[in-house]
Protein backbone atom coordinates (compact mmCIF):
# COMPACT_ATOMS: atom_id res chain seq x y z
CA MET A 1 4.18 -8.86 28.10
CA LEU A 2 6.09 -5.93 26.21
CA ASN A 3 4.33 -3.54 23.62
CA LYS A 4 6.61 -0.83 22.63
CA VAL A 5 7.06 0.82 19.36
CA ILE A 6 9.43 3.78 18.52
CA LEU A 7 8.95 4.97 14.92
CA ILE A 8 10.65 8.36 12.84
CA GLY A 9 9.13 9.42 10.01
CA ARG A 10 6.69 13.07 8.64
CA LEU A 11 3.50 13.96 9.10
CA THR A 12 1.44 13.40 5.99
CA ARG A 13 -0.76 16.23 6.95
CA ASP A 14 -2.09 18.19 9.19
CA PRO A 15 -3.07 17.01 12.83
CA GLU A 16 -6.52 16.17 13.63
CA GLN A 17 -7.49 18.01 17.40
CA ARG A 18 -10.82 16.14 18.43
CA PHE A 19 -12.17 16.36 22.73
CA THR A 20 -14.19 13.78 24.22
CA ALA A 21 -17.71 13.90 25.77
CA ASN A 22 -15.50 14.95 29.11
CA GLY A 23 -13.42 17.52 27.64
CA VAL A 24 -10.15 15.09 27.33
CA CYS A 25 -8.07 16.29 23.79
CA VAL A 26 -6.96 13.25 21.31
CA THR A 27 -5.15 14.00 18.50
CA THR A 28 -4.47 11.95 15.49
CA PHE A 29 -2.08 12.13 12.39
CA THR A 30 -0.35 9.82 10.38
CA LEU A 31 3.51 9.21 10.21
CA ALA A 32 5.11 8.03 6.82
CA VAL A 33 7.68 5.83 7.81
CA ASP A 34 10.60 4.65 4.65
CA ARG A 35 11.11 1.26 4.42
CA ASN A 36 14.99 0.30 4.92
CA PHE A 37 14.58 -1.48 1.45
CA THR A 38 13.87 -0.18 -1.92
CA ASN A 39 11.27 -1.95 -4.36
CA GLN A 40 12.09 -3.54 -7.92
CA GLN A 41 11.64 0.05 -9.43
CA GLY A 42 14.47 0.97 -7.11
CA GLU A 43 12.19 3.99 -5.32
CA ARG A 44 11.70 3.21 -1.72
CA GLU A 45 8.54 2.65 -0.33
CA ALA A 46 6.84 3.74 3.04
CA ASP A 47 4.47 2.51 5.44
CA PHE A 48 1.71 5.12 6.95
CA ILE A 49 1.24 4.76 10.20
CA PRO A 50 -1.88 6.29 12.82
CA ILE A 51 -0.70 7.88 15.72
CA VAL A 52 -3.15 8.96 18.54
CA THR A 53 -1.84 11.09 21.28
CA TRP A 54 -4.21 12.20 24.41
CA ARG A 55 -3.63 15.29 26.84
CA ASN A 56 -1.35 17.62 26.95
CA VAL A 57 0.69 15.56 24.05
CA ALA A 58 -2.13 16.10 22.41
CA GLU A 59 -3.01 20.08 22.82
CA THR A 60 1.07 19.89 22.17
CA CYS A 61 0.73 18.07 18.72
CA ALA A 62 -1.89 20.16 16.91
CA LYS A 63 -0.45 23.20 18.43
CA TYR A 64 2.75 22.58 16.86
CA LEU A 65 2.95 20.19 14.47
CA SER A 66 2.21 20.40 10.82
CA LYS A 67 2.37 18.25 7.99
CA GLY A 68 5.84 17.21 6.84
CA ARG A 69 7.20 17.68 9.72
CA LEU A 70 10.07 15.00 11.51
CA VAL A 71 9.40 13.53 15.10
CA ALA A 72 9.88 10.64 16.74
CA VAL A 73 6.75 8.70 17.90
CA SER A 74 7.46 6.15 21.55
CA GLY A 75 4.62 4.38 22.29
CA ARG A 76 2.47 1.01 22.04
CA ILE A 77 0.21 -0.85 19.60
CA GLN A 78 -3.45 -1.02 20.37
CA THR A 79 -6.06 -2.85 18.39
CA GLY A 80 -9.50 -2.40 17.90
CA SER A 81 -12.99 -2.81 15.78
CA TYR A 82 -16.00 -1.52 14.97
CA GLU A 83 -19.27 -1.72 13.25
CA THR A 84 -20.38 -0.09 10.18
CA PRO A 85 -23.81 0.94 8.73
CA ASP A 86 -24.16 -1.52 6.82
CA GLY A 87 -23.17 -4.38 9.37
CA GLN A 88 -19.42 -4.50 8.33
CA ARG A 89 -16.45 -5.89 11.06
CA ARG A 90 -13.52 -3.31 10.56
CA TYR A 91 -10.34 -3.60 12.43
CA THR A 92 -7.72 -0.94 13.50
CA THR A 93 -4.68 -0.93 14.37
CA ASP A 94 -2.99 2.51 15.55
CA VAL A 95 -0.42 3.68 17.86
CA VAL A 96 -0.47 5.58 21.08
CA ALA A 97 2.37 7.67 21.27
CA ASP A 98 3.63 8.52 25.37
CA GLU A 99 6.12 10.60 23.81
CA VAL A 100 6.76 12.66 20.90
CA ARG A 101 10.13 14.10 19.70
CA PHE A 102 10.55 17.43 17.47
CA LEU A 103 13.60 16.22 15.45
CA ASP A 104 13.23 19.24 12.99
CA ARG A 105 13.05 22.86 14.04
CA GLY A 106 9.66 23.38 11.99
CA THR A 107 8.08 26.86 12.24
CA SER A 108 6.75 29.21 15.09
CA SER A 109 2.84 28.88 14.52
CA PRO A 110 0.63 25.91 12.99
CA ASN A 111 0.12 25.12 9.66
CA ALA A 112 3.05 28.09 8.62
CA SER A 113 5.02 27.98 5.70
CA PRO A 114 8.54 25.70 6.13
CA GLY A 115 10.33 29.13 5.09
CA GLY A 116 8.44 30.84 8.87
CA SER A 117 10.78 30.95 12.05
CA SER A 118 12.51 28.98 13.98
CA PHE A 119 10.71 27.43 17.53
CA ASN A 120 12.40 29.25 20.48
CA ARG A 121 14.71 26.49 21.87
CA ASN A 122 14.40 28.08 25.12
CA GLU A 123 10.33 27.70 24.85
CA GLY A 124 9.28 25.00 27.59
CA ILE A 125 7.71 21.53 26.58
CA PRO A 126 4.74 20.05 28.60
CA GLU A 127 5.44 16.92 29.88
CA GLY A 128 5.98 13.86 27.28
CA PHE A 129 7.78 16.05 24.77
CA SER A 130 11.29 16.92 24.73
CA ARG A 131 13.38 18.61 22.00
CA LEU A 132 16.22 16.87 19.82
CA GLU A 133 18.99 19.41 19.82
CA ASP A 134 21.48 19.70 17.63
CA ASP A 135 24.00 17.68 19.38
CA ASP A 136 22.01 15.14 20.83
CA GLU A 137 22.15 11.81 19.98
CA LEU A 138 19.44 8.90 18.47
CA PRO A 139 18.50 7.17 21.68
CA PHE A 140 17.84 4.20 19.65
C-alpha cells in the first residue's frame, strides 16, 4: 500500500497551534494549490488543502510560517469522521505532513510584514524540515 502526497502552495491564513491533553503540539493550516489549467473565464483555480503537523514540525510551522508563505509539504492523506451536536455525520480529509520545506525566504518573526528581514540561512532547522536554497532543485 502507498499513501504519499507532495504539494506546493501558499498558506491561506496564519497557522493555528494547539496542544493535546498530553502536551503534544499540533499545528494546522490550509494550503492553496493552483490547478494546472484555467476555467472557462480564463482564471486559474486552486484547491484548498487542510494540513496537519505534529510535534517538532508543528512547533516550527507555528513559529515561522504565516499567511502567504510558499511551502512544499510531503506527507500522507488521512480521512476521518465525527458527529455534529445535531447528530449529522461529517467526513474529513487532511494531509498529515511529515516534512515541510520553506520555499521562500519569509520574515524573521511570525506575523511580520512581507517587507521584513530575511531568515538567517545558517539558522538550524529541526528534524523534518529543510530550507530550499537558491541553487537547489525541486525533488519532483
